[in-house]
PDB file of N, CA and C in Angstrom:
ATOM      1  N   MET A   1      10.638  59.732 -34.978  1.00  0.00           N
ATOM      2  CA  MET A   1      12.057  60.050 -34.811  1.00  0.00           C
ATOM      3  C   MET A   1      12.827  58.776 -34.455  1.00  0.00           C
ATOM      4  N   THR A   2      13.888  58.501 -35.182  1.00  0.00           N
ATOM      5  CA  THR A   2      14.672  57.299 -34.913  1.00  0.00           C
ATOM      6  C   THR A   2      15.734  57.589 -33.866  1.00  0.00           C
ATOM      7  N   SER A   3      16.015  56.590 -33.075  1.00  0.00           N
ATOM      8  CA  SER A   3      17.017  56.718 -32.026  1.00  0.00           C
ATOM      9  C   SER A   3      18.403  56.420 -32.592  1.00  0.00           C
ATOM     10  N   ASP A   4      19.394  57.183 -32.139  1.00  0.00           N
ATOM     11  CA  ASP A   4      20.767  56.903 -32.552  1.00  0.00           C
ATOM     12  C   ASP A   4      21.512  56.186 -31.429  1.00  0.00           C
ATOM     13  N   LYS A   5      20.752  55.623 -30.493  1.00  0.00           N
ATOM     14  CA  LYS A   5      21.348  54.859 -29.398  1.00  0.00           C
ATOM     15  C   LYS A   5      21.797  53.506 -29.922  1.00  0.00           C
ATOM     16  N   SER A   6      22.993  53.111 -29.540  1.00  0.00           N
ATOM     17  CA  SER A   6      23.572  51.849 -29.985  1.00  0.00           C
ATOM     18  C   SER A   6      24.263  51.170 -28.824  1.00  0.00           C
ATOM     19  N   ARG A   7      24.654  49.949 -29.084  1.00  0.00           N
ATOM     20  CA  ARG A   7      25.441  49.159 -28.136  1.00  0.00           C
ATOM     21  C   ARG A   7      26.602  48.581 -28.931  1.00  0.00           C
ATOM     22  N   ALA A   8      27.764  48.550 -28.315  1.00  0.00           N
ATOM     23  CA  ALA A   8      28.932  47.976 -28.978  1.00  0.00           C
ATOM     24  C   ALA A   8      29.722  47.156 -27.968  1.00  0.00           C
ATOM     25  N   GLU A   9      30.359  46.112 -28.490  1.00  0.00           N
ATOM     26  CA  GLU A   9      31.328  45.346 -27.713  1.00  0.00           C
ATOM     27  C   GLU A   9      32.677  45.552 -28.383  1.00  0.00           C
ATOM     28  N   ILE A  10      33.649  45.963 -27.591  1.00  0.00           N
ATOM     29  CA  ILE A  10      34.976  46.297 -28.105  1.00  0.00           C
ATOM     30  C   ILE A  10      35.989  45.375 -27.439  1.00  0.00           C
ATOM     31  N   LEU A  11      36.864  44.819 -28.241  1.00  0.00           N
ATOM     32  CA  LEU A  11      37.913  43.936 -27.736  1.00  0.00           C
ATOM     33  C   LEU A  11      39.252  44.441 -28.260  1.00  0.00           C
ATOM     34  N   VAL A  12      40.200  44.638 -27.356  1.00  0.00           N
ATOM     35  CA  VAL A  12      41.537  45.076 -27.766  1.00  0.00           C
ATOM     36  C   VAL A  12      42.575  44.140 -27.160  1.00  0.00           C
ATOM     37  N   ASN A  13      43.688  43.975 -27.883  1.00  0.00           N
ATOM     38  CA  ASN A  13      44.800  43.220 -27.320  1.00  0.00           C
ATOM     39  C   ASN A  13      46.096  43.926 -27.648  1.00  0.00           C
ATOM     40  N   GLY A  14      47.155  43.432 -27.048  1.00  0.00           N
ATOM     41  CA  GLY A  14      48.463  44.069 -27.127  1.00  0.00           C
ATOM     42  C   GLY A  14      48.938  44.302 -25.705  1.00  0.00           C
ATOM     43  N   LEU A  15      49.666  45.373 -25.486  1.00  0.00           N
ATOM     44  CA  LEU A  15      50.069  45.748 -24.126  1.00  0.00           C
ATOM     45  C   LEU A  15      48.949  46.631 -23.563  1.00  0.00           C
ATOM     46  N   VAL A  16      47.912  45.973 -23.021  1.00  0.00           N
ATOM     47  CA  VAL A  16      46.714  46.699 -22.590  1.00  0.00           C
ATOM     48  C   VAL A  16      46.321  46.393 -21.147  1.00  0.00           C
ATOM     49  N   GLN A  17      47.101  45.575 -20.453  1.00  0.00           N
ATOM     50  CA  GLN A  17      46.837  45.323 -19.038  1.00  0.00           C
ATOM     51  C   GLN A  17      48.028  45.787 -18.219  1.00  0.00           C
ATOM     52  N   GLY A  18      47.719  46.385 -17.059  1.00  0.00           N
ATOM     53  CA  GLY A  18      48.781  46.882 -16.176  1.00  0.00           C
ATOM     54  C   GLY A  18      49.339  48.225 -16.593  1.00  0.00           C
ATOM     55  N   VAL A  19      48.622  48.940 -17.476  1.00  0.00           N
ATOM     56  CA  VAL A  19      49.109  50.235 -17.966  1.00  0.00           C
ATOM     57  C   VAL A  19      48.058  51.344 -17.801  1.00  0.00           C
ATOM     58  N   GLY A  20      47.038  51.100 -16.964  1.00  0.00           N
ATOM     59  CA  GLY A  20      45.993  52.106 -16.747  1.00  0.00           C
ATOM     60  C   GLY A  20      44.948  52.156 -17.845  1.00  0.00           C
ATOM     61  N   PHE A  21      44.880  51.112 -18.648  1.00  0.00           N
ATOM     62  CA  PHE A  21      43.981  51.108 -19.806  1.00  0.00           C
ATOM     63  C   PHE A  21      42.510  51.213 -19.398  1.00  0.00           C
ATOM     64  N   ARG A  22      42.094  50.423 -18.396  1.00  0.00           N
ATOM     65  CA  ARG A  22      40.680  50.451 -17.998  1.00  0.00           C
ATOM     66  C   ARG A  22      40.270  51.827 -17.483  1.00  0.00           C
ATOM     67  N   TYR A  23      41.162  52.495 -16.766  1.00  0.00           N
ATOM     68  CA  TYR A  23      40.823  53.808 -16.214  1.00  0.00           C
ATOM     69  C   TYR A  23      40.810  54.876 -17.312  1.00  0.00           C
ATOM     70  N   PHE A  24      41.632  54.700 -18.309  1.00  0.00           N
ATOM     71  CA  PHE A  24      41.593  55.537 -19.516  1.00  0.00           C
ATOM     72  C   PHE A  24      40.216  55.385 -20.182  1.00  0.00           C
ATOM     73  N   VAL A  25      39.755  54.140 -20.297  1.00  0.00           N
ATOM     74  CA  VAL A  25      38.449  53.854 -20.906  1.00  0.00           C
ATOM     75  C   VAL A  25      37.331  54.498 -20.097  1.00  0.00           C
ATOM     76  N   VAL A  26      37.360  54.342 -18.788  1.00  0.00           N
ATOM     77  CA  VAL A  26      36.324  54.912 -17.915  1.00  0.00           C
ATOM     78  C   VAL A  26      36.273  56.433 -18.065  1.00  0.00           C
ATOM     79  N   ARG A  27      37.425  57.062 -18.075  1.00  0.00           N
ATOM     80  CA  ARG A  27      37.495  58.537 -18.179  1.00  0.00           C
ATOM     81  C   ARG A  27      36.834  59.017 -19.472  1.00  0.00           C
ATOM     82  N   HIS A  28      37.143  58.365 -20.581  1.00  0.00           N
ATOM     83  CA  HIS A  28      36.581  58.801 -21.860  1.00  0.00           C
ATOM     84  C   HIS A  28      35.108  58.421 -21.995  1.00  0.00           C
ATOM     85  N   ALA A  29      34.714  57.289 -21.448  1.00  0.00           N
ATOM     86  CA  ALA A  29      33.295  56.904 -21.471  1.00  0.00           C
ATOM     87  C   ALA A  29      32.467  57.929 -20.702  1.00  0.00           C
ATOM     88  N   SER A  30      32.971  58.341 -19.565  1.00  0.00           N
ATOM     89  CA  SER A  30      32.270  59.335 -18.744  1.00  0.00           C
ATOM     90  C   SER A  30      32.152  60.665 -19.488  1.00  0.00           C
ATOM     91  N   ARG A  31      33.235  61.093 -20.089  1.00  0.00           N
ATOM     92  CA  ARG A  31      33.247  62.368 -20.823  1.00  0.00           C
ATOM     93  C   ARG A  31      32.259  62.339 -21.986  1.00  0.00           C
ATOM     94  N   LEU A  32      32.111  61.176 -22.621  1.00  0.00           N
ATOM     95  CA  LEU A  32      31.227  61.040 -23.789  1.00  0.00           C
ATOM     96  C   LEU A  32      29.805  60.589 -23.411  1.00  0.00           C
ATOM     97  N   LYS A  33      29.542  60.537 -22.085  1.00  0.00           N
ATOM     98  CA  LYS A  33      28.213  60.170 -21.576  1.00  0.00           C
ATOM     99  C   LYS A  33      27.774  58.773 -22.037  1.00  0.00           C
ATOM    100  N   LEU A  34      28.717  57.836 -21.989  1.00  0.00           N
ATOM    101  CA  LEU A  34      28.444  56.459 -22.356  1.00  0.00           C
ATOM    102  C   LEU A  34      28.277  55.622 -21.093  1.00  0.00           C
ATOM    103  N   LYS A  35      27.555  54.525 -21.223  1.00  0.00           N
ATOM    104  CA  LYS A  35      27.312  53.635 -20.094  1.00  0.00           C
ATOM    105  C   LYS A  35      27.754  52.226 -20.454  1.00  0.00           C
ATOM    106  N   GLY A  36      28.153  51.473 -19.440  1.00  0.00           N
ATOM    107  CA  GLY A  36      28.566  50.096 -19.675  1.00  0.00           C
ATOM    108  C   GLY A  36      29.666  49.704 -18.717  1.00  0.00           C
ATOM    109  N   TYR A  37      30.606  48.898 -19.206  1.00  0.00           N
ATOM    110  CA  TYR A  37      31.707  48.466 -18.357  1.00  0.00           C
ATOM    111  C   TYR A  37      32.918  48.069 -19.190  1.00  0.00           C
ATOM    112  N   VAL A  38      34.057  48.000 -18.496  1.00  0.00           N
ATOM    113  CA  VAL A  38      35.310  47.541 -19.088  1.00  0.00           C
ATOM    114  C   VAL A  38      35.906  46.521 -18.131  1.00  0.00           C
ATOM    115  N   GLU A  39      36.540  45.479 -18.677  1.00  0.00           N
ATOM    116  CA  GLU A  39      37.134  44.441 -17.841  1.00  0.00           C
ATOM    117  C   GLU A  39      38.361  43.851 -18.522  1.00  0.00           C
ATOM    118  N   ASN A  40      39.300  43.403 -17.693  1.00  0.00           N
ATOM    119  CA  ASN A  40      40.429  42.621 -18.193  1.00  0.00           C
ATOM    120  C   ASN A  40      39.969  41.182 -18.354  1.00  0.00           C
ATOM    121  N   LEU A  41      40.414  40.530 -19.420  1.00  0.00           N
ATOM    122  CA  LEU A  41      40.139  39.111 -19.618  1.00  0.00           C
ATOM    123  C   LEU A  41      41.392  38.304 -19.296  1.00  0.00           C
ATOM    124  N   PHE A  42      41.215  37.060 -18.912  1.00  0.00           N
ATOM    125  CA  PHE A  42      42.367  36.206 -18.569  1.00  0.00           C
ATOM    126  C   PHE A  42      43.275  35.973 -19.766  1.00  0.00           C
ATOM    127  N   THR A  43      42.780  36.248 -20.981  1.00  0.00           N
ATOM    128  CA  THR A  43      43.573  36.088 -22.205  1.00  0.00           C
ATOM    129  C   THR A  43      44.567  37.230 -22.410  1.00  0.00           C
ATOM    130  N   GLY A  44      44.480  38.272 -21.565  1.00  0.00           N
ATOM    131  CA  GLY A  44      45.346  39.436 -21.716  1.00  0.00           C
ATOM    132  C   GLY A  44      44.682  40.558 -22.492  1.00  0.00           C
ATOM    133  N   GLU A  45      43.467  40.334 -22.952  1.00  0.00           N
ATOM    134  CA  GLU A  45      42.724  41.347 -23.699  1.00  0.00           C
ATOM    135  C   GLU A  45      41.905  42.216 -22.743  1.00  0.00           C
ATOM    136  N   VAL A  46      41.439  43.344 -23.267  1.00  0.00           N
ATOM    137  CA  VAL A  46      40.498  44.194 -22.542  1.00  0.00           C
ATOM    138  C   VAL A  46      39.193  44.206 -23.331  1.00  0.00           C
ATOM    139  N   HIS A  47      38.099  43.940 -22.609  1.00  0.00           N
ATOM    140  CA  HIS A  47      36.757  43.836 -23.190  1.00  0.00           C
ATOM    141  C   HIS A  47      35.911  44.985 -22.655  1.00  0.00           C
ATOM    142  N   THR A  48      35.232  45.679 -23.560  1.00  0.00           N
ATOM    143  CA  THR A  48      34.370  46.792 -23.182  1.00  0.00           C
ATOM    144  C   THR A  48      32.993  46.588 -23.792  1.00  0.00           C
ATOM    145  N   VAL A  49      31.966  46.793 -22.991  1.00  0.00           N
ATOM    146  CA  VAL A  49      30.580  46.822 -23.474  1.00  0.00           C
ATOM    147  C   VAL A  49      30.090  48.232 -23.200  1.00  0.00           C
ATOM    148  N   VAL A  50      29.575  48.886 -24.234  1.00  0.00           N
ATOM    149  CA  VAL A  50      29.216  50.298 -24.103  1.00  0.00           C
ATOM    150  C   VAL A  50      27.898  50.572 -24.815  1.00  0.00           C
ATOM    151  N   GLU A  51      27.114  51.467 -24.216  1.00  0.00           N
ATOM    152  CA  GLU A  51      25.865  51.917 -24.825  1.00  0.00           C
ATOM    153  C   GLU A  51      25.815  53.440 -24.794  1.00  0.00           C
ATOM    154  N   GLY A  52      25.201  54.006 -25.833  1.00  0.00           N
ATOM    155  CA  GLY A  52      25.049  55.452 -25.913  1.00  0.00           C
ATOM    156  C   GLY A  52      24.833  55.876 -27.348  1.00  0.00           C
ATOM    157  N   ASP A  53      25.028  57.161 -27.600  1.00  0.00           N
ATOM    158  CA  ASP A  53      24.881  57.679 -28.957  1.00  0.00           C
ATOM    159  C   ASP A  53      25.957  57.065 -29.851  1.00  0.00           C
ATOM    160  N   LYS A  54      25.542  56.615 -31.025  1.00  0.00           N
ATOM    161  CA  LYS A  54      26.470  55.921 -31.926  1.00  0.00           C
ATOM    162  C   LYS A  54      27.677  56.783 -32.274  1.00  0.00           C
ATOM    163  N   VAL A  55      27.463  58.064 -32.521  1.00  0.00           N
ATOM    164  CA  VAL A  55      28.578  58.944 -32.884  1.00  0.00           C
ATOM    165  C   VAL A  55      29.584  59.032 -31.729  1.00  0.00           C
ATOM    166  N   ASN A  56      29.098  59.017 -30.486  1.00  0.00           N
ATOM    167  CA  ASN A  56      29.998  59.055 -29.326  1.00  0.00           C
ATOM    168  C   ASN A  56      30.747  57.739 -29.173  1.00  0.00           C
ATOM    169  N   ILE A  57      30.067  56.621 -29.457  1.00  0.00           N
ATOM    170  CA  ILE A  57      30.742  55.318 -29.390  1.00  0.00           C
ATOM    171  C   ILE A  57      31.836  55.241 -30.444  1.00  0.00           C
ATOM    172  N   GLU A  58      31.576  55.792 -31.627  1.00  0.00           N
ATOM    173  CA  GLU A  58      32.600  55.787 -32.681  1.00  0.00           C
ATOM    174  C   GLU A  58      33.820  56.599 -32.253  1.00  0.00           C
ATOM    175  N   GLU A  59      33.599  57.770 -31.639  1.00  0.00           N
ATOM    176  CA  GLU A  59      34.714  58.587 -31.133  1.00  0.00           C
ATOM    177  C   GLU A  59      35.469  57.831 -30.031  1.00  0.00           C
ATOM    178  N   PHE A  60      34.710  57.191 -29.145  1.00  0.00           N
ATOM    179  CA  PHE A  60      35.247  56.381 -28.055  1.00  0.00           C
ATOM    180  C   PHE A  60      36.143  55.261 -28.596  1.00  0.00           C
ATOM    181  N   PHE A  61      35.677  54.568 -29.630  1.00  0.00           N
ATOM    182  CA  PHE A  61      36.440  53.473 -30.227  1.00  0.00           C
ATOM    183  C   PHE A  61      37.755  53.994 -30.808  1.00  0.00           C
ATOM    184  N   ASN A  62      37.711  55.150 -31.449  1.00  0.00           N
ATOM    185  CA  ASN A  62      38.947  55.738 -31.996  1.00  0.00           C
ATOM    186  C   ASN A  62      39.955  56.033 -30.894  1.00  0.00           C
ATOM    187  N   LEU A  63      39.476  56.477 -29.728  1.00  0.00           N
ATOM    188  CA  LEU A  63      40.367  56.734 -28.588  1.00  0.00           C
ATOM    189  C   LEU A  63      40.931  55.433 -28.032  1.00  0.00           C
ATOM    190  N   ILE A  64      40.067  54.425 -27.911  1.00  0.00           N
ATOM    191  CA  ILE A  64      40.494  53.128 -27.381  1.00  0.00           C
ATOM    192  C   ILE A  64      41.566  52.504 -28.276  1.00  0.00           C
ATOM    193  N   LYS A  65      41.451  52.681 -29.574  1.00  0.00           N
ATOM    194  CA  LYS A  65      42.447  52.118 -30.495  1.00  0.00           C
ATOM    195  C   LYS A  65      43.832  52.709 -30.242  1.00  0.00           C
ATOM    196  N   LEU A  66      43.888  53.909 -29.692  1.00  0.00           N
ATOM    197  CA  LEU A  66      45.164  54.547 -29.348  1.00  0.00           C
ATOM    198  C   LEU A  66      45.614  54.147 -27.950  1.00  0.00           C
ATOM    199  N   GLY A  67      44.673  54.167 -26.988  1.00  0.00           N
ATOM    200  CA  GLY A  67      44.970  53.819 -25.609  1.00  0.00           C
ATOM    201  C   GLY A  67      45.788  54.877 -24.910  1.00  0.00           C
ATOM    202  N   PRO A  68      46.039  54.678 -23.609  1.00  0.00           N
ATOM    203  CA  PRO A  68      46.875  55.619 -22.859  1.00  0.00           C
ATOM    204  C   PRO A  68      48.332  55.521 -23.299  1.00  0.00           C
ATOM    205  N   SER A  69      49.151  56.437 -22.845  1.00  0.00           N
ATOM    206  CA  SER A  69      50.524  56.548 -23.340  1.00  0.00           C
ATOM    207  C   SER A  69      51.383  55.302 -23.111  1.00  0.00           C
ATOM    208  N   HIS A  70      51.157  54.549 -22.051  1.00  0.00           N
ATOM    209  CA  HIS A  70      51.998  53.382 -21.766  1.00  0.00           C
ATOM    210  C   HIS A  70      51.478  52.100 -22.403  1.00  0.00           C
ATOM    211  N   ALA A  71      50.345  52.185 -23.072  1.00  0.00           N
ATOM    212  CA  ALA A  71      49.748  51.010 -23.709  1.00  0.00           C
ATOM    213  C   ALA A  71      50.215  50.910 -25.161  1.00  0.00           C
ATOM    214  N   HIS A  72      50.052  49.723 -25.706  1.00  0.00           N
ATOM    215  CA  HIS A  72      50.272  49.519 -27.138  1.00  0.00           C
ATOM    216  C   HIS A  72      49.180  48.577 -27.630  1.00  0.00           C
ATOM    217  N   VAL A  73      48.194  49.152 -28.330  1.00  0.00           N
ATOM    218  CA  VAL A  73      47.088  48.360 -28.858  1.00  0.00           C
ATOM    219  C   VAL A  73      47.544  47.725 -30.166  1.00  0.00           C
ATOM    220  N   LYS A  74      47.539  46.406 -30.189  1.00  0.00           N
ATOM    221  CA  LYS A  74      47.953  45.672 -31.380  1.00  0.00           C
ATOM    222  C   LYS A  74      46.765  45.449 -32.309  1.00  0.00           C
ATOM    223  N   ASN A  75      45.662  44.960 -31.756  1.00  0.00           N
ATOM    224  CA  ASN A  75      44.444  44.709 -32.533  1.00  0.00           C
ATOM    225  C   ASN A  75      43.237  45.236 -31.780  1.00  0.00           C
ATOM    226  N   SER A  76      42.252  45.697 -32.518  1.00  0.00           N
ATOM    227  CA  SER A  76      41.003  46.161 -31.915  1.00  0.00           C
ATOM    228  C   SER A  76      39.841  45.744 -32.810  1.00  0.00           C
ATOM    229  N   ARG A  77      38.723  45.438 -32.164  1.00  0.00           N
ATOM    230  CA  ARG A  77      37.538  45.021 -32.909  1.00  0.00           C
ATOM    231  C   ARG A  77      36.308  45.605 -32.235  1.00  0.00           C
ATOM    232  N   ILE A  78      35.344  46.034 -33.051  1.00  0.00           N
ATOM    233  CA  ILE A  78      34.083  46.519 -32.516  1.00  0.00           C
ATOM    234  C   ILE A  78      32.948  45.772 -33.206  1.00  0.00           C
ATOM    235  N   ASP A  79      31.996  45.326 -32.411  1.00  0.00           N
ATOM    236  CA  ASP A  79      30.787  44.672 -32.920  1.00  0.00           C
ATOM    237  C   ASP A  79      29.598  45.492 -32.449  1.00  0.00           C
ATOM    238  N   TRP A  80      28.670  45.763 -33.366  1.00  0.00           N
ATOM    239  CA  TRP A  80      27.523  46.628 -33.086  1.00  0.00           C
ATOM    240  C   TRP A  80      26.263  45.807 -32.806  1.00  0.00           C
ATOM    241  N   PHE A  81      25.455  46.329 -31.870  1.00  0.00           N
ATOM    242  CA  PHE A  81      24.193  45.697 -31.483  1.00  0.00           C
ATOM    243  C   PHE A  81      23.150  46.769 -31.207  1.00  0.00           C
ATOM    244  N   GLU A  82      21.915  46.322 -31.013  1.00  0.00           N
ATOM    245  CA  GLU A  82      20.858  47.237 -30.595  1.00  0.00           C
ATOM    246  C   GLU A  82      21.027  47.540 -29.121  1.00  0.00           C
ATOM    247  N   SER A  83      20.768  48.780 -28.741  1.00  0.00           N
ATOM    248  CA  SER A  83      20.871  49.168 -27.336  1.00  0.00           C
ATOM    249  C   SER A  83      19.841  48.410 -26.500  1.00  0.00           C
ATOM    250  N   LYS A  84      20.255  47.981 -25.316  1.00  0.00           N
ATOM    251  CA  LYS A  84      19.362  47.287 -24.382  1.00  0.00           C
ATOM    252  C   LYS A  84      18.997  48.167 -23.193  1.00  0.00           C
ATOM    253  N   ASN A  85      19.571  49.377 -23.119  1.00  0.00           N
ATOM    254  CA  ASN A  85      19.381  50.271 -21.965  1.00  0.00           C
ATOM    255  C   ASN A  85      19.595  49.529 -20.651  1.00  0.00           C
ATOM    256  N   GLU A  86      20.679  48.802 -20.586  1.00  0.00           N
ATOM    257  CA  GLU A  86      20.947  47.895 -19.475  1.00  0.00           C
ATOM    258  C   GLU A  86      21.770  48.539 -18.356  1.00  0.00           C
ATOM    259  N   PHE A  87      22.421  49.665 -18.611  1.00  0.00           N
ATOM    260  CA  PHE A  87      23.378  50.229 -17.658  1.00  0.00           C
ATOM    261  C   PHE A  87      22.947  51.601 -17.153  1.00  0.00           C
ATOM    262  N   ASP A  88      23.354  51.887 -15.906  1.00  0.00           N
ATOM    263  CA  ASP A  88      23.083  53.195 -15.303  1.00  0.00           C
ATOM    264  C   ASP A  88      24.324  54.073 -15.275  1.00  0.00           C
ATOM    265  N   SER A  89      25.485  53.454 -15.453  1.00  0.00           N
ATOM    266  CA  SER A  89      26.757  54.172 -15.365  1.00  0.00           C
ATOM    267  C   SER A  89      27.802  53.413 -16.152  1.00  0.00           C
ATOM    268  N   PHE A  90      29.052  53.872 -16.069  1.00  0.00           N
ATOM    269  CA  PHE A  90      30.164  53.157 -16.690  1.00  0.00           C
ATOM    270  C   PHE A  90      31.131  52.795 -15.575  1.00  0.00           C
ATOM    271  N   GLU A  91      31.542  51.517 -15.539  1.00  0.00           N
ATOM    272  CA  GLU A  91      32.387  51.064 -14.435  1.00  0.00           C
ATOM    273  C   GLU A  91      33.412  50.033 -14.887  1.00  0.00           C
ATOM    274  N   VAL A  92      34.375  49.815 -13.999  1.00  0.00           N
ATOM    275  CA  VAL A  92      35.352  48.754 -14.190  1.00  0.00           C
ATOM    276  C   VAL A  92      34.793  47.502 -13.537  1.00  0.00           C
ATOM    277  N   LYS A  93      34.775  46.419 -14.275  1.00  0.00           N
ATOM    278  CA  LYS A  93      34.344  45.129 -13.740  1.00  0.00           C
ATOM    279  C   LYS A  93      35.573  44.347 -13.317  1.00  0.00           C
ATOM    280  N   PHE A  94      35.523  43.760 -12.146  1.00  0.00           N
ATOM    281  CA  PHE A  94      36.656  42.978 -11.626  1.00  0.00           C
ATOM    282  C   PHE A  94      36.296  41.507 -11.591  1.00  0.00           C
TER     283      PHE A  94
END
């Protein structure tokens, strides 16, 4: 049986800091049973590393591309990797 576990790194930019974006990400990651972290970058972007079922990560990415109501995502990118089973939960990194 093949595993559908994947790892993805997601990068978004636009109006994505100071609008509750990271907490939006945490809420949806938790609901979709994903693990990893989200962080603001000094460049103004938001970076997310996530592991879990690939279909859930794809749904998660579609939500992130929209963002919370006060955000405006200009660009988004997802890069896929093999799961490392590195995380126990999903959190905001400071």
